[in-house]
N, C-alpha and C. Protein backbone atom coordinates (compact mmCIF):
# COMPACT_ATOMS: atom_id res chain seq x y z
N UNK A 1 35.32 -6.84 9.01
CA UNK A 1 35.14 -5.33 9.14
C UNK A 1 36.29 -4.41 8.54
N UNK A 2 37.42 -5.05 8.50
CA UNK A 2 38.52 -4.29 7.87
C UNK A 2 38.15 -4.12 6.30
N UNK A 3 37.52 -5.20 5.70
CA UNK A 3 37.19 -5.08 4.28
C UNK A 3 36.16 -4.01 4.13
N UNK A 4 35.11 -4.11 5.03
CA UNK A 4 34.02 -3.11 4.86
C UNK A 4 34.54 -1.65 5.02
N UNK A 5 35.34 -1.43 5.92
CA UNK A 5 35.94 0.02 5.82
C UNK A 5 36.81 0.38 5.07
N UNK A 6 37.53 -0.63 4.32
CA UNK A 6 38.28 -0.17 2.96
C UNK A 6 37.35 0.25 1.94
N UNK A 7 36.21 -0.31 1.72
CA UNK A 7 35.31 -0.24 0.61
C UNK A 7 34.43 1.18 0.54
N UNK A 8 34.32 1.51 1.87
CA UNK A 8 33.24 2.63 2.16
C UNK A 8 34.01 4.11 2.28
N UNK A 9 33.23 5.01 1.83
CA UNK A 9 33.91 6.32 2.04
C UNK A 9 33.82 6.76 3.41
N UNK A 10 34.86 7.54 4.00
CA UNK A 10 35.04 7.79 5.33
C UNK A 10 33.80 8.45 6.04
N UNK A 11 33.02 9.25 5.30
CA UNK A 11 31.98 9.92 5.91
C UNK A 11 30.57 9.06 6.02
N UNK A 12 30.74 7.91 5.17
CA UNK A 12 29.63 7.00 5.23
C UNK A 12 29.16 6.57 6.64
N UNK A 13 27.83 6.60 6.93
CA UNK A 13 27.40 6.27 8.25
C UNK A 13 27.64 5.01 8.76
N UNK A 14 27.72 4.06 7.94
CA UNK A 14 28.06 2.71 8.30
C UNK A 14 29.55 2.52 8.38
N UNK A 15 30.23 3.23 7.64
CA UNK A 15 31.94 3.33 7.96
C UNK A 15 32.11 3.87 9.31
N UNK A 16 31.55 4.87 9.68
CA UNK A 16 31.63 5.49 10.94
C UNK A 16 31.47 4.47 12.10
N UNK A 17 30.44 3.78 12.09
CA UNK A 17 30.13 2.77 13.16
C UNK A 17 31.16 1.60 13.03
N UNK A 18 31.51 1.19 11.87
CA UNK A 18 32.21 0.17 11.47
C UNK A 18 33.79 0.34 12.40
N UNK A 19 34.29 1.59 12.05
CA UNK A 19 35.53 2.05 12.56
C UNK A 19 35.45 1.73 14.32
N UNK A 20 34.44 2.39 14.80
CA UNK A 20 34.45 2.21 16.06
C UNK A 20 34.37 0.95 16.67
N UNK A 21 33.45 0.15 15.97
CA UNK A 21 33.26 -1.32 16.44
C UNK A 21 34.46 -2.14 16.07
N UNK A 22 35.38 -1.73 15.10
CA UNK A 22 36.52 -2.49 14.76
C UNK A 22 37.48 -2.42 15.76
N UNK A 23 37.63 -1.16 16.44
CA UNK A 23 38.59 -0.74 17.46
C UNK A 23 38.26 -1.68 18.74
N UNK A 24 36.98 -1.72 18.98
CA UNK A 24 36.70 -2.50 20.29
C UNK A 24 36.60 -4.08 20.13
N UNK A 25 36.43 -4.55 18.91
CA UNK A 25 36.55 -5.90 18.44
C UNK A 25 38.00 -6.46 18.69
N UNK A 26 38.74 -5.28 18.19
CA UNK A 26 40.16 -5.85 18.46
C UNK A 26 40.75 -5.98 19.80
N UNK A 27 40.12 -5.03 20.70
CA UNK A 27 40.45 -5.17 22.16
C UNK A 27 39.91 -6.48 22.68
N UNK A 28 38.77 -6.87 22.35
CA UNK A 28 38.01 -8.00 22.86
C UNK A 28 38.96 -9.36 22.48
N UNK A 29 39.34 -9.31 21.14
CA UNK A 29 40.22 -10.34 20.57
C UNK A 29 41.71 -10.48 21.27
N UNK A 30 42.13 -9.35 21.93
CA UNK A 30 43.45 -9.27 22.64
C UNK A 30 43.13 -9.78 24.07
N UNK A 31 42.18 -9.59 24.39
CA UNK A 31 41.73 -10.06 25.83
C UNK A 31 41.51 -11.60 25.89
N UNK A 32 40.85 -12.05 24.77
CA UNK A 32 40.63 -13.48 24.69
C UNK A 32 41.93 -14.16 24.65
N UNK A 33 43.14 -13.75 24.55
CA UNK A 33 44.39 -14.36 24.52
C UNK A 33 45.05 -14.27 25.92
N UNK A 34 44.31 -13.82 26.84
CA UNK A 34 44.86 -13.40 28.25
C UNK A 34 44.10 -14.27 29.26
N UNK A 35 43.95 -13.53 30.46
CA UNK A 35 43.33 -14.21 31.58
C UNK A 35 42.09 -13.32 31.93
N UNK A 36 41.61 -12.48 30.86
CA UNK A 36 40.52 -11.60 31.37
C UNK A 36 39.14 -12.17 31.45
N UNK A 37 38.80 -13.20 30.51
CA UNK A 37 37.73 -14.06 30.50
C UNK A 37 37.79 -15.17 31.59
N UNK A 38 36.77 -15.73 32.19
CA UNK A 38 36.64 -16.79 32.93
C UNK A 38 36.68 -18.16 32.02
N UNK A 39 35.97 -17.78 30.99
CA UNK A 39 35.93 -19.05 29.87
C UNK A 39 36.14 -18.43 28.60
N UNK A 40 37.23 -18.28 28.16
CA UNK A 40 37.51 -17.57 26.67
C UNK A 40 36.97 -18.27 25.59
N UNK A 41 36.79 -19.70 25.64
CA UNK A 41 35.95 -20.27 24.49
C UNK A 41 34.50 -19.79 24.46
N UNK A 42 33.91 -19.78 25.57
CA UNK A 42 32.49 -19.25 25.41
C UNK A 42 32.42 -17.87 25.18
N UNK A 43 33.45 -16.85 25.76
CA UNK A 43 33.37 -15.60 25.41
C UNK A 43 33.83 -15.34 24.11
N UNK A 44 34.58 -16.03 23.37
CA UNK A 44 34.99 -16.01 22.10
C UNK A 44 33.78 -16.33 20.99
N UNK A 45 33.15 -17.44 21.43
CA UNK A 45 31.84 -17.77 20.63
C UNK A 45 30.94 -16.83 20.79
N UNK A 46 30.54 -16.21 21.78
CA UNK A 46 29.62 -15.18 21.88
C UNK A 46 30.17 -13.91 21.04
N UNK A 47 31.19 -13.60 21.04
CA UNK A 47 31.89 -12.45 20.41
C UNK A 47 31.51 -12.68 18.89
N UNK A 48 31.76 -13.79 18.33
CA UNK A 48 31.80 -14.00 16.94
C UNK A 48 30.35 -14.03 16.58
N UNK A 49 29.57 -14.62 17.23
CA UNK A 49 28.02 -14.80 16.91
C UNK A 49 27.30 -13.26 17.03
N UNK A 50 27.77 -12.57 17.78
CA UNK A 50 27.52 -11.12 18.03
C UNK A 50 27.69 -10.45 16.67
N UNK A 51 29.12 -10.32 16.24
CA UNK A 51 29.77 -9.78 15.17
C UNK A 51 28.89 -10.19 13.95
N UNK A 52 28.66 -11.61 13.83
CA UNK A 52 28.11 -11.98 12.71
C UNK A 52 26.69 -11.32 12.28
N UNK A 53 25.98 -10.87 13.47
CA UNK A 53 24.82 -10.35 13.05
C UNK A 53 24.88 -8.96 12.43
N UNK A 54 25.88 -8.21 12.90
CA UNK A 54 26.28 -7.00 12.23
C UNK A 54 26.53 -7.24 10.75
N UNK A 55 27.56 -8.28 10.57
CA UNK A 55 27.96 -8.64 9.16
C UNK A 55 26.85 -9.09 8.39
N UNK A 56 25.80 -9.97 8.80
CA UNK A 56 24.72 -10.39 8.12
C UNK A 56 23.82 -8.94 7.69
N UNK A 57 23.71 -8.09 8.47
CA UNK A 57 23.05 -6.92 7.84
C UNK A 57 23.72 -6.13 6.93
N UNK A 58 25.01 -6.00 7.05
CA UNK A 58 25.71 -5.31 5.75
C UNK A 58 25.56 -6.19 4.41
N UNK A 59 25.76 -7.52 4.69
CA UNK A 59 25.61 -8.51 3.54
C UNK A 59 24.11 -8.28 3.01
N UNK A 60 23.11 -8.19 3.80
CA UNK A 60 21.75 -8.30 3.25
C UNK A 60 21.60 -7.04 2.38
N UNK A 61 21.99 -5.82 2.96
CA UNK A 61 21.86 -4.54 2.26
C UNK A 61 22.63 -4.51 0.86
N UNK A 62 23.96 -5.17 1.01
CA UNK A 62 24.80 -5.27 -0.20
C UNK A 62 24.05 -6.19 -1.41
N UNK A 63 23.38 -7.27 -1.03
CA UNK A 63 22.68 -7.96 -1.72
C UNK A 63 21.20 -7.56 -2.23
N UNK A 64 20.92 -6.44 -1.76
CA UNK A 64 19.62 -5.59 -2.08
C UNK A 64 18.49 -6.25 -1.30
N UNK A 65 18.70 -6.95 -0.32
CA UNK A 65 17.65 -7.46 0.78
C UNK A 65 17.47 -6.43 1.85
N UNK A 66 16.51 -6.54 2.63
CA UNK A 66 16.06 -5.62 3.71
C UNK A 66 16.86 -6.27 4.95
N UNK A 67 17.46 -5.20 5.63
CA UNK A 67 18.28 -5.50 6.92
C UNK A 67 17.04 -5.63 7.91
N UNK A 68 17.48 -6.17 9.31
CA UNK A 68 16.47 -6.17 10.29
C UNK A 68 16.27 -4.55 10.61
N UNK A 69 15.00 -4.60 11.05
CA UNK A 69 14.48 -3.24 11.25
C UNK A 69 15.48 -2.39 12.12
N UNK A 70 16.09 -2.96 13.11
CA UNK A 70 16.94 -2.17 13.97
C UNK A 70 18.03 -1.40 13.30
N UNK A 71 18.55 -2.09 12.12
CA UNK A 71 19.65 -1.41 11.26
C UNK A 71 19.23 -0.42 10.04
N UNK A 72 18.08 -0.56 9.88
CA UNK A 72 17.59 0.07 8.57
C UNK A 72 17.71 1.66 8.77
N UNK A 73 17.47 2.26 10.00
CA UNK A 73 17.58 3.79 10.03
C UNK A 73 19.14 4.08 9.54
N UNK A 74 19.98 3.34 10.12
CA UNK A 74 21.60 3.67 9.61
C UNK A 74 21.71 3.58 8.25
N UNK A 75 21.28 2.45 7.54
CA UNK A 75 21.45 2.16 6.29
C UNK A 75 20.79 3.13 5.40
N UNK A 76 19.56 3.48 5.75
CA UNK A 76 18.79 4.33 4.95
C UNK A 76 19.21 5.96 4.95
N UNK A 77 19.90 6.29 6.16
CA UNK A 77 20.37 7.70 6.35
C UNK A 77 21.95 7.81 6.34
N UNK A 78 22.54 6.87 5.87
CA UNK A 78 23.99 6.73 5.97
C UNK A 78 24.72 7.90 5.23
N UNK A 79 24.07 8.58 4.26
CA UNK A 79 24.48 9.65 3.53
C UNK A 79 23.95 10.95 3.82
N UNK A 80 23.11 11.02 4.77
CA UNK A 80 22.36 12.35 5.03
C UNK A 80 23.39 13.40 5.49
N UNK A 81 23.29 14.52 4.70
CA UNK A 81 24.42 15.56 5.23
C UNK A 81 24.17 16.32 6.54
N UNK A 82 22.84 16.15 7.10
CA UNK A 82 22.36 16.69 8.33
C UNK A 82 22.63 15.85 9.65
N UNK A 83 23.16 14.67 9.45
CA UNK A 83 23.38 13.75 10.51
C UNK A 83 24.91 13.61 10.62
N UNK A 84 25.41 13.75 11.84
CA UNK A 84 26.82 13.95 12.29
C UNK A 84 27.26 12.50 12.56
N UNK A 85 28.50 12.31 12.59
CA UNK A 85 29.32 11.12 12.79
C UNK A 85 28.85 10.34 14.20
N UNK A 86 28.87 11.17 15.36
CA UNK A 86 28.36 10.62 16.51
C UNK A 86 27.10 9.96 16.50
N UNK A 87 26.20 10.53 15.70
CA UNK A 87 24.92 9.93 15.50
C UNK A 87 24.87 8.62 14.86
N UNK A 88 25.51 8.76 13.93
CA UNK A 88 25.87 7.40 12.93
C UNK A 88 26.35 6.35 13.98
N UNK A 89 27.45 6.74 14.54
CA UNK A 89 27.90 5.75 15.51
C UNK A 89 27.06 5.26 16.56
N UNK A 90 26.23 6.08 17.28
CA UNK A 90 25.18 5.70 18.26
C UNK A 90 24.31 4.86 17.66
N UNK A 91 23.71 5.16 16.66
CA UNK A 91 22.75 4.46 15.83
C UNK A 91 23.22 2.99 15.46
N UNK A 92 24.32 2.70 15.16
CA UNK A 92 25.06 1.41 15.18
C UNK A 92 25.18 0.68 16.39
N UNK A 93 25.39 1.42 17.49
CA UNK A 93 25.70 0.67 18.72
C UNK A 93 24.41 0.19 19.26
N UNK A 94 23.34 1.29 18.97
CA UNK A 94 22.05 1.00 19.55
C UNK A 94 21.51 -0.37 18.89
N UNK A 95 21.52 -0.37 17.53
CA UNK A 95 21.10 -1.58 16.82
C UNK A 95 21.72 -2.85 17.34
N UNK A 96 23.09 -2.58 17.55
CA UNK A 96 23.97 -3.98 17.85
C UNK A 96 23.73 -4.25 19.18
N UNK A 97 23.57 -3.46 20.03
CA UNK A 97 23.35 -3.89 21.58
C UNK A 97 21.91 -4.18 21.78
N UNK A 98 21.08 -3.23 21.31
CA UNK A 98 19.67 -3.44 21.60
C UNK A 98 18.98 -4.66 21.07
N UNK A 99 19.45 -5.08 19.71
CA UNK A 99 18.83 -6.10 19.30
C UNK A 99 19.71 -7.43 18.78
N UNK A 100 21.05 -7.35 18.52
CA UNK A 100 21.87 -8.34 17.91
C UNK A 100 22.25 -9.05 19.43
N UNK A 101 22.59 -8.21 20.35
CA UNK A 101 23.13 -8.89 21.51
C UNK A 101 22.24 -9.99 22.06
N UNK A 102 21.20 -9.77 22.21
CA UNK A 102 20.04 -10.61 22.91
C UNK A 102 20.11 -12.05 21.91
N UNK A 103 19.96 -12.02 20.66
CA UNK A 103 19.94 -12.97 19.68
C UNK A 103 21.23 -13.64 19.79
N UNK A 104 22.15 -13.03 19.85
CA UNK A 104 23.62 -13.72 19.90
C UNK A 104 23.73 -14.55 21.10
N UNK A 105 23.34 -14.01 22.28
CA UNK A 105 23.36 -14.72 23.54
C UNK A 105 22.38 -16.11 23.68
N UNK A 106 21.34 -16.01 22.91
CA UNK A 106 20.48 -17.14 22.65
C UNK A 106 21.05 -18.15 21.85
N UNK A 107 21.63 -17.62 20.62
CA UNK A 107 22.37 -18.67 19.81
C UNK A 107 23.56 -19.17 20.39
N UNK A 108 24.08 -18.74 21.35
CA UNK A 108 25.26 -19.14 22.09
C UNK A 108 24.91 -20.32 23.02
N UNK A 109 23.87 -19.92 23.75
CA UNK A 109 23.34 -21.05 24.75
C UNK A 109 22.83 -22.30 24.09
N UNK A 110 22.02 -22.16 22.86
CA UNK A 110 21.61 -23.28 22.20
C UNK A 110 22.79 -23.98 21.59
N UNK A 111 23.76 -23.34 21.11
CA UNK A 111 24.76 -24.05 20.42
C UNK A 111 25.81 -24.99 21.53
N UNK A 112 25.87 -24.32 22.63
CA UNK A 112 26.64 -24.94 23.78
C UNK A 112 25.86 -25.59 24.85
N UNK A 113 24.61 -25.70 24.67
CA UNK A 113 23.81 -26.25 25.52
C UNK A 113 23.87 -25.88 27.04
N UNK A 114 24.02 -24.49 27.20
CA UNK A 114 24.09 -23.71 28.34
C UNK A 114 22.68 -23.19 28.67
N UNK A 115 22.52 -22.98 30.07
CA UNK A 115 21.37 -22.00 30.55
C UNK A 115 21.98 -20.40 30.75
N UNK A 116 21.09 -19.45 30.69
CA UNK A 116 21.67 -18.16 30.81
C UNK A 116 22.62 -17.82 31.99
N UNK A 117 22.40 -18.52 33.08
CA UNK A 117 23.42 -18.14 34.13
C UNK A 117 24.77 -18.47 33.85
N UNK A 118 24.86 -19.56 33.05
CA UNK A 118 26.33 -19.85 32.73
C UNK A 118 26.98 -18.84 31.76
N UNK A 119 26.25 -17.74 31.29
CA UNK A 119 26.78 -16.68 30.37
C UNK A 119 26.91 -15.40 31.07
N UNK A 120 26.28 -15.33 32.21
CA UNK A 120 26.23 -13.85 32.85
C UNK A 120 27.69 -13.44 33.11
N UNK A 121 28.71 -14.13 33.53
CA UNK A 121 29.86 -13.75 34.03
C UNK A 121 30.55 -13.18 32.68
N UNK A 122 30.64 -13.86 31.51
CA UNK A 122 31.17 -13.56 30.18
C UNK A 122 30.42 -12.28 29.71
N UNK A 123 29.05 -12.28 29.94
CA UNK A 123 28.26 -11.11 29.33
C UNK A 123 28.81 -9.94 30.29
N UNK A 124 28.81 -9.81 31.39
CA UNK A 124 29.47 -8.79 32.16
C UNK A 124 30.81 -8.21 31.64
N UNK A 125 31.66 -9.27 31.59
CA UNK A 125 33.16 -8.85 30.99
C UNK A 125 33.13 -8.34 29.71
N UNK A 126 32.40 -8.86 28.78
CA UNK A 126 32.17 -8.41 27.20
C UNK A 126 31.52 -6.97 27.31
N UNK A 127 30.61 -6.86 28.30
CA UNK A 127 29.93 -5.63 28.35
C UNK A 127 30.82 -4.53 28.82
N UNK A 128 31.79 -4.84 29.67
CA UNK A 128 32.65 -3.73 30.16
C UNK A 128 33.55 -3.30 29.01
N UNK A 129 33.84 -4.23 28.18
CA UNK A 129 34.72 -3.74 26.78
C UNK A 129 33.81 -3.07 26.11
N UNK A 130 32.67 -3.51 25.95
CA UNK A 130 31.70 -2.82 24.99
C UNK A 130 31.42 -1.39 25.41
N UNK A 131 31.64 -1.11 26.70
CA UNK A 131 31.42 0.40 27.14
C UNK A 131 32.41 1.18 26.40
N UNK A 132 33.50 0.58 25.75
CA UNK A 132 34.50 1.51 24.98
C UNK A 132 33.79 1.92 23.75
N UNK A 133 32.81 1.22 23.32
CA UNK A 133 32.07 1.87 22.08
C UNK A 133 31.56 3.16 22.35
N UNK A 134 30.66 3.39 23.64
CA UNK A 134 30.16 4.62 23.89
C UNK A 134 31.42 5.51 24.22
N UNK A 135 32.38 5.26 24.76
CA UNK A 135 33.45 6.21 25.26
C UNK A 135 34.16 6.72 24.10
N UNK A 136 34.40 5.78 22.95
CA UNK A 136 34.98 6.26 21.84
C UNK A 136 34.25 7.17 20.96
N UNK A 137 32.99 7.07 20.99
CA UNK A 137 31.91 8.01 20.34
C UNK A 137 32.19 9.28 20.87
N UNK A 138 32.12 9.31 22.25
CA UNK A 138 32.32 10.54 22.88
C UNK A 138 33.50 11.30 22.74
N UNK A 139 34.67 10.47 22.93
CA UNK A 139 35.92 11.03 22.84
C UNK A 139 36.59 11.44 21.56
N UNK A 140 36.33 10.48 20.50
CA UNK A 140 36.79 10.70 19.26
C UNK A 140 35.85 11.40 18.23
N UNK A 141 34.57 11.29 18.49
CA UNK A 141 33.73 11.94 17.40
C UNK A 141 32.98 13.18 17.88
N UNK A 142 32.88 13.42 19.10
CA UNK A 142 32.14 14.50 19.46
C UNK A 142 32.99 15.83 19.32
N UNK A 143 32.38 16.98 18.90
CA UNK A 143 33.31 18.12 18.78
C UNK A 143 33.88 18.53 20.38
N UNK A 144 34.82 19.26 20.41
CA UNK A 144 35.39 19.58 21.55
C UNK A 144 34.43 20.39 22.46
N UNK A 145 34.81 20.53 23.82
CA UNK A 145 33.92 21.22 24.70
C UNK A 145 33.59 22.74 24.44
N UNK A 146 34.68 23.27 23.57
CA UNK A 146 34.55 24.77 23.28
C UNK A 146 33.72 24.78 22.23
N UNK A 147 33.00 23.79 21.48
CA UNK A 147 32.28 23.92 20.43
C UNK A 147 30.79 23.33 20.88
N UNK A 148 30.44 22.89 22.00
CA UNK A 148 29.32 22.46 22.50
C UNK A 148 28.85 23.00 23.63
N UNK A 149 27.64 23.22 23.93
CA UNK A 149 27.37 23.63 25.27
C UNK A 149 25.99 22.83 25.59
N UNK A 150 25.43 22.89 26.79
CA UNK A 150 24.32 22.17 27.34
C UNK A 150 23.03 22.34 26.58
N UNK A 151 23.00 23.54 25.80
CA UNK A 151 21.88 23.52 24.97
C UNK A 151 21.98 23.11 23.75
N UNK A 152 23.19 22.63 23.24
CA UNK A 152 23.37 21.94 21.94
C UNK A 152 22.68 20.77 21.74
N UNK A 153 21.92 20.64 20.55
CA UNK A 153 20.99 19.54 20.25
C UNK A 153 21.69 18.06 20.35
N UNK A 154 23.00 18.12 19.82
CA UNK A 154 23.84 16.83 19.81
C UNK A 154 24.17 16.53 21.17
N UNK A 155 24.63 17.49 22.03
CA UNK A 155 24.86 17.14 23.31
C UNK A 155 23.78 16.40 24.04
N UNK A 156 22.52 17.16 23.85
CA UNK A 156 21.30 16.64 24.21
C UNK A 156 20.89 15.12 23.66
N UNK A 157 20.98 14.85 22.60
CA UNK A 157 20.64 13.60 21.93
C UNK A 157 21.64 12.49 22.39
N UNK A 158 22.92 12.78 22.47
CA UNK A 158 24.05 11.78 22.87
C UNK A 158 23.72 11.49 24.33
N UNK A 159 23.56 12.58 25.21
CA UNK A 159 23.27 12.37 26.60
C UNK A 159 21.99 11.56 26.95
N UNK A 160 21.10 11.47 26.00
CA UNK A 160 19.73 10.96 26.25
C UNK A 160 19.95 9.34 26.06
N UNK A 161 20.95 9.04 25.41
CA UNK A 161 21.04 7.39 25.27
C UNK A 161 22.20 6.88 26.20
N UNK A 162 22.00 5.64 26.57
CA UNK A 162 22.90 5.03 27.64
C UNK A 162 23.15 3.71 27.28
N UNK A 163 24.45 3.31 26.93
CA UNK A 163 24.85 1.86 26.68
C UNK A 163 24.60 0.92 27.87
N UNK A 164 24.77 1.49 29.13
CA UNK A 164 24.57 0.62 30.17
C UNK A 164 23.02 0.27 30.30
N UNK A 165 22.02 1.18 30.02
CA UNK A 165 20.54 0.67 29.85
C UNK A 165 20.34 -0.12 28.81
N UNK A 166 21.05 0.08 27.55
CA UNK A 166 20.82 -0.79 26.50
C UNK A 166 21.37 -2.28 26.78
N UNK A 167 22.53 -2.32 27.50
CA UNK A 167 23.06 -3.70 27.84
C UNK A 167 21.99 -4.42 28.80
N UNK A 168 21.43 -3.65 29.88
CA UNK A 168 20.62 -4.25 30.74
C UNK A 168 19.22 -4.73 30.11
N UNK A 169 18.73 -3.93 29.03
CA UNK A 169 17.50 -4.20 28.10
C UNK A 169 17.89 -5.73 27.40
N UNK A 170 19.10 -5.69 26.89
CA UNK A 170 19.52 -6.78 26.07
C UNK A 170 19.60 -8.02 26.97
N UNK A 171 20.02 -7.94 28.22
CA UNK A 171 19.96 -9.14 28.95
C UNK A 171 18.54 -9.65 29.35
N UNK A 172 17.73 -8.68 29.56
CA UNK A 172 16.33 -8.97 29.87
C UNK A 172 15.79 -9.45 28.67
N UNK A 173 15.89 -9.02 27.45
CA UNK A 173 15.37 -9.43 26.34
C UNK A 173 15.90 -10.87 25.95
N UNK A 174 17.15 -11.52 26.30
CA UNK A 174 17.62 -12.66 26.18
C UNK A 174 16.99 -13.55 27.12
N UNK A 175 16.90 -13.19 28.36
CA UNK A 175 16.07 -14.02 29.29
C UNK A 175 14.60 -14.39 28.86
N UNK A 176 14.00 -13.33 28.44
CA UNK A 176 12.55 -13.62 27.85
C UNK A 176 12.59 -14.60 26.63
N UNK A 177 13.45 -14.23 25.72
CA UNK A 177 13.41 -15.10 24.59
C UNK A 177 13.94 -16.60 24.92
N UNK A 178 14.66 -16.61 25.84
CA UNK A 178 15.22 -18.02 26.32
C UNK A 178 13.99 -18.70 27.05
N UNK A 179 13.32 -17.84 27.75
CA UNK A 179 12.15 -18.59 28.39
C UNK A 179 11.00 -18.89 27.43
N UNK A 180 10.97 -18.26 26.48
CA UNK A 180 9.98 -18.85 25.29
C UNK A 180 10.39 -19.66 24.37
N UNK A 181 11.67 -20.35 24.43
CA UNK A 181 12.19 -21.02 23.45
C UNK A 181 11.40 -22.32 23.05
N UNK A 182 10.70 -22.78 24.07
CA UNK A 182 9.55 -23.82 23.82
C UNK A 182 8.40 -23.51 23.03
N UNK A 183 8.17 -22.09 22.84
CA UNK A 183 6.94 -21.53 22.10
C UNK A 183 7.59 -20.64 20.94
N UNK A 184 7.99 -21.23 19.89
CA UNK A 184 8.70 -20.51 18.65
C UNK A 184 7.88 -19.42 18.18
N UNK A 185 6.65 -19.52 18.20
CA UNK A 185 5.80 -18.58 17.55
C UNK A 185 5.82 -17.20 18.43
N UNK A 186 5.77 -17.51 19.64
CA UNK A 186 5.74 -16.21 20.72
C UNK A 186 7.26 -15.66 20.60
N UNK A 187 8.17 -16.63 20.61
CA UNK A 187 9.58 -16.23 20.72
C UNK A 187 9.75 -15.15 19.31
N UNK A 188 9.36 -15.69 18.27
CA UNK A 188 9.53 -14.98 16.85
C UNK A 188 8.98 -13.56 17.14
N UNK A 189 7.68 -13.68 17.72
CA UNK A 189 6.99 -12.22 17.85
C UNK A 189 7.54 -11.29 18.81
N UNK A 190 8.09 -11.79 19.86
CA UNK A 190 8.77 -11.02 20.70
C UNK A 190 10.13 -10.43 20.05
N UNK A 191 10.62 -11.12 19.33
CA UNK A 191 12.02 -10.88 18.66
C UNK A 191 11.80 -9.84 17.67
N UNK A 192 10.72 -10.00 16.85
CA UNK A 192 10.19 -8.94 16.02
C UNK A 192 9.98 -7.61 16.61
N UNK A 193 9.28 -7.70 17.75
CA UNK A 193 8.96 -6.27 18.47
C UNK A 193 10.12 -5.68 18.98
N UNK A 194 11.06 -6.54 19.47
CA UNK A 194 12.18 -5.91 20.06
C UNK A 194 13.04 -5.44 18.85
N UNK A 195 13.14 -5.93 17.78
CA UNK A 195 13.76 -5.42 16.52
C UNK A 195 13.06 -4.12 16.01
N UNK A 196 11.86 -3.99 16.05
CA UNK A 196 11.02 -2.74 15.46
C UNK A 196 11.23 -1.69 16.68
N UNK A 197 11.21 -1.94 17.87
CA UNK A 197 11.38 -0.85 19.06
C UNK A 197 12.81 -0.41 18.84
N UNK A 198 13.94 -1.15 18.75
CA UNK A 198 15.20 -0.82 18.58
C UNK A 198 15.47 0.20 17.43
N UNK A 199 14.67 -0.14 16.24
CA UNK A 199 14.91 0.58 15.11
C UNK A 199 14.21 1.95 15.28
N UNK A 200 13.03 1.99 16.04
CA UNK A 200 12.43 3.13 16.31
C UNK A 200 13.42 4.24 17.05
N UNK A 201 14.13 3.83 18.26
CA UNK A 201 15.06 4.38 18.73
C UNK A 201 16.21 4.98 17.94
N UNK A 202 16.52 3.96 16.98
CA UNK A 202 17.69 4.56 16.00
C UNK A 202 17.36 5.53 15.01
N UNK A 203 15.92 5.55 14.76
CA UNK A 203 15.47 6.52 13.84
C UNK A 203 15.34 7.95 14.66
N UNK A 204 15.19 7.84 15.81
CA UNK A 204 15.29 9.21 16.76
C UNK A 204 16.84 9.58 16.84
N UNK A 205 17.56 8.58 17.00
CA UNK A 205 19.07 9.03 17.12
C UNK A 205 19.69 9.66 15.90
N UNK A 206 18.97 9.20 14.77
CA UNK A 206 19.46 9.99 13.35
C UNK A 206 18.92 11.15 12.88
N UNK A 207 17.89 11.55 13.98
CA UNK A 207 17.38 12.99 13.46
C UNK A 207 18.28 14.08 12.94
N UNK A 208 18.09 14.63 11.86
CA UNK A 208 19.04 15.66 11.43
C UNK A 208 19.14 16.82 12.31
N UNK A 209 20.28 17.14 12.64
CA UNK A 209 20.46 18.29 13.54
C UNK A 209 20.98 19.63 12.81
N UNK A 210 21.54 19.39 11.74
CA UNK A 210 21.96 20.44 10.97
C UNK A 210 21.31 20.45 9.57
N UNK A 211 21.18 21.71 8.91
CA UNK A 211 20.47 21.84 7.63
C UNK A 211 21.56 21.55 6.57
N UNK A 212 21.29 20.78 5.66
CA UNK A 212 22.21 20.71 4.37
C UNK A 212 22.31 22.07 3.81
N UNK A 213 23.64 22.23 3.42
CA UNK A 213 23.79 23.54 2.49
C UNK A 213 23.15 23.51 1.38
N UNK A 214 22.59 24.77 1.01
CA UNK A 214 21.64 24.90 -0.26
C UNK A 214 22.47 24.45 -1.54
N UNK A 215 21.82 23.92 -2.34
CA UNK A 215 22.55 23.70 -3.68
C UNK A 215 22.48 24.97 -4.63
N UNK A 216 23.65 25.21 -5.15
CA UNK A 216 23.68 26.60 -5.67
C UNK A 216 22.68 26.38 -7.02
N UNK A 217 22.02 27.24 -7.52
CA UNK A 217 20.95 27.51 -8.28
C UNK A 217 21.70 27.98 -9.66
């Protein structure tokens, strides 16, 4: 993630999300060395598999391949002048939590031979740290209160999305995908629909709220 941030322009939409995600990942890494998690090995495995989903999307786009549908809005609109930094960050959080988290949970259960109940405690603890993603977006990227009011489109858009609800949906999606593990065709279909639905939300989050400055003629 540090390498991605070093290569991208500061205003690039992917770079905006990457900075926010990197700061939270550093906090998770710090907690893995203490007594925060009940099972640091499982939490660490989940964290790595989770991050790999985002890095795989970055690699796919860099190689000229299509990213998962949940990530496409961010990569397609990353340079749009009418989209603000908080929107870029939230679109990345939406893709990562709404789609990648459920699949990372499935991958972790399979790799470790666990049932979903064995991951619930670590999921909740990781989730508490991931709340920092939303908090950082609001604290670091949102304009000051003197520049926003309740009628501002950005205030309305950011307020309409909730990380807590996205986390709840990710857990439900994980349970459903795990329940369908013996029916791979149905599991793949469900994963595809989750991907598409999260991508649609991301597209709404990246609705341009300001008009680009006219190009001098």
